[in-house]
Amino acid sequence: MTVLDTNFMIYLLRNKEAAEVADYYSNPKTTTINLFELYYGAKRSVKRKESISDINSLLKSVEILQFDKPAADKAAEIQVLLINSGEPIELQDVLIAGIVMSKNEELITNNIKHFKRIPGLKCSSWNPTDYGNKS
């Protein structure tokens, strides 16, 4: 079970050859926080309408995981841990990790070094040069 991080979704949107990378994962999911990041980027783009349309098309094949009460609780736990350790990350990434961990999923990202600060988070790289590289 895999949750696609924003950087992977952007890769899919920008690269036609990305389909072979995407086929590596079955039953892909993403989170409402990743959607926020995608729509935010699209609304800042000079190709706003095209970008939003592309995102909406991509989302037809991806399940969306919600930021619910268990995710909020887990994200709060993660944030406290990271702040206390002196190694905080962006709040959006804490929220994504909260969703992923509360659903017992694995995050597919190109930002392993960043997310490995979160103990217990399962994550792997999607980068074609290092498929499956784990944190």
Protein backbone atom coordinates (compact mmCIF):
# COMPACT_ATOMS: atom_id res chain seq x y z
CA MET A 1 0.00 0.00 0.00
CA THR A 2 1.56 3.22 -1.14
CA VAL A 3 0.98 6.93 -0.62
CA LEU A 4 2.48 9.16 -3.29
CA ASP A 5 4.25 12.29 -2.05
CA THR A 6 3.83 15.60 -3.85
CA ASN A 7 7.21 15.35 -5.58
CA PHE A 8 6.15 12.05 -7.17
CA MET A 9 2.82 13.48 -8.28
CA ILE A 10 4.62 16.43 -9.89
CA TYR A 11 6.95 14.00 -11.66
CA LEU A 12 3.92 12.14 -13.04
CA LEU A 13 2.35 15.39 -14.22
CA ARG A 14 5.51 16.65 -15.96
CA ASN A 15 6.85 13.46 -17.56
CA LYS A 16 5.10 11.33 -20.15
CA GLU A 17 7.56 8.48 -19.57
CA ALA A 18 6.56 8.49 -15.90
CA ALA A 19 3.85 5.90 -16.58
CA GLU A 20 6.41 3.09 -16.31
CA VAL A 21 7.50 4.41 -12.92
CA ALA A 22 3.88 4.77 -11.80
CA ASP A 23 3.13 1.18 -12.86
CA TYR A 24 5.64 0.04 -10.24
CA TYR A 25 3.03 0.87 -7.57
CA SER A 26 -0.38 -0.74 -7.24
CA ASN A 27 -3.41 0.92 -5.68
CA PRO A 28 -1.74 4.36 -5.36
CA LYS A 29 -3.00 6.87 -2.83
CA THR A 30 -2.17 10.42 -1.83
CA THR A 31 -3.32 12.74 0.94
CA THR A 32 -5.40 15.87 1.20
CA ILE A 33 -2.22 17.69 2.24
CA ASN A 34 -0.49 16.61 -0.98
CA LEU A 35 -3.53 17.89 -2.87
CA PHE A 36 -3.17 21.24 -1.14
CA GLU A 37 0.47 21.40 -2.26
CA LEU A 38 -0.41 20.47 -5.85
CA TYR A 39 -3.28 22.96 -6.13
CA TYR A 40 -1.22 25.68 -4.48
CA GLY A 41 1.53 25.20 -7.05
CA ALA A 42 -0.97 25.10 -9.91
CA LYS A 43 -2.68 28.30 -8.80
CA ARG A 44 0.70 30.06 -8.78
CA SER A 45 1.55 28.75 -12.26
CA VAL A 46 1.36 30.77 -15.45
CA LYS A 47 -0.52 27.76 -16.88
CA ARG A 48 -3.05 27.77 -14.05
CA LYS A 49 -6.07 26.24 -15.82
CA GLU A 50 -4.01 23.60 -17.61
CA SER A 51 -2.20 22.65 -14.41
CA ILE A 52 -5.42 22.30 -12.42
CA SER A 53 -6.97 20.24 -15.20
CA ASP A 54 -3.92 17.95 -15.28
CA ILE A 55 -4.10 17.49 -11.50
CA ASN A 56 -7.80 16.65 -11.64
CA SER A 57 -7.16 14.07 -14.38
CA LEU A 58 -4.38 12.43 -12.38
CA LEU A 59 -6.55 12.27 -9.27
CA LYS A 60 -9.11 10.09 -11.06
CA SER A 61 -6.75 7.14 -10.60
CA VAL A 62 -5.56 7.88 -7.06
CA GLU A 63 -7.36 7.30 -3.76
CA ILE A 64 -7.30 10.33 -1.43
CA LEU A 65 -6.58 9.79 2.27
CA GLN A 66 -8.10 12.35 4.64
CA PHE A 67 -6.54 14.24 7.52
CA ASP A 68 -8.80 12.83 10.22
CA LYS A 69 -8.64 12.60 14.03
CA PRO A 70 -6.15 9.68 14.19
CA ALA A 71 -3.92 11.46 11.65
CA ALA A 72 -4.10 14.70 13.65
CA ASP A 73 -3.12 12.86 16.83
CA LYS A 74 -0.19 11.13 15.11
CA ALA A 75 0.95 14.37 13.44
CA ALA A 76 0.94 16.16 16.80
CA GLU A 77 3.06 13.37 18.29
CA ILE A 78 5.51 13.63 15.36
CA GLN A 79 5.72 17.43 15.59
CA VAL A 80 6.49 17.35 19.32
CA LEU A 81 9.16 14.69 18.77
CA LEU A 82 10.83 16.64 15.95
CA ILE A 83 10.72 19.98 17.77
CA ASN A 84 12.14 18.39 20.94
CA SER A 85 14.92 16.74 18.92
CA GLY A 86 15.83 20.05 17.27
CA GLU A 87 15.18 18.64 13.78
CA PRO A 88 11.81 20.04 12.68
CA ILE A 89 10.48 19.72 9.14
CA GLU A 90 7.77 21.64 7.30
CA LEU A 91 4.34 21.36 8.89
CA GLN A 92 2.77 20.00 5.68
CA ASP A 93 5.22 17.09 5.77
CA VAL A 94 4.38 16.37 9.41
CA LEU A 95 0.69 16.28 8.47
CA ILE A 96 1.40 13.95 5.53
CA ALA A 97 3.42 11.65 7.79
CA GLY A 98 0.58 11.67 10.34
CA ILE A 99 -1.86 10.48 7.70
CA VAL A 100 0.53 7.85 6.32
CA MET A 101 1.39 6.44 9.74
CA SER A 102 -2.18 6.46 11.07
CA LYS A 103 -3.27 4.41 8.03
CA ASN A 104 -0.24 2.08 8.27
CA GLU A 105 0.85 2.99 4.75
CA GLU A 106 4.21 3.60 3.08
CA LEU A 107 5.18 7.00 1.68
CA ILE A 108 6.73 7.07 -1.79
CA THR A 109 8.94 10.16 -1.99
CA ASN A 110 12.13 11.52 -3.46
CA ASN A 111 12.91 13.11 -0.12
CA ILE A 112 14.10 10.15 1.96
CA LYS A 113 16.69 12.20 3.87
CA HIS A 114 13.98 14.63 4.98
CA PHE A 115 11.36 12.07 6.03
CA LYS A 116 13.80 9.68 7.73
CA ARG A 117 13.80 12.05 10.71
CA ILE A 118 10.38 10.62 11.59
CA PRO A 119 10.81 7.38 13.58
CA GLY A 120 8.52 4.61 12.43
CA LEU A 121 7.54 6.21 9.13
CA LYS A 122 7.79 3.71 6.29
CA CYS A 123 9.04 5.42 3.15
CA SER A 124 10.77 4.51 -0.09
CA SER A 125 12.24 6.48 -2.97
CA TRP A 126 10.41 6.62 -6.29
CA ASN A 127 13.44 7.94 -8.16
CA PRO A 128 14.07 5.70 -11.21
CA THR A 129 17.76 5.49 -10.29
CA ASP A 130 17.05 4.00 -6.87
CA TYR A 131 13.66 2.25 -6.86
CA GLY A 132 12.74 1.03 -3.45
CA ASN A 133 15.54 2.75 -1.53
CA LYS A 134 14.24 2.73 2.01
CA SER A 135 14.74 5.17 4.83
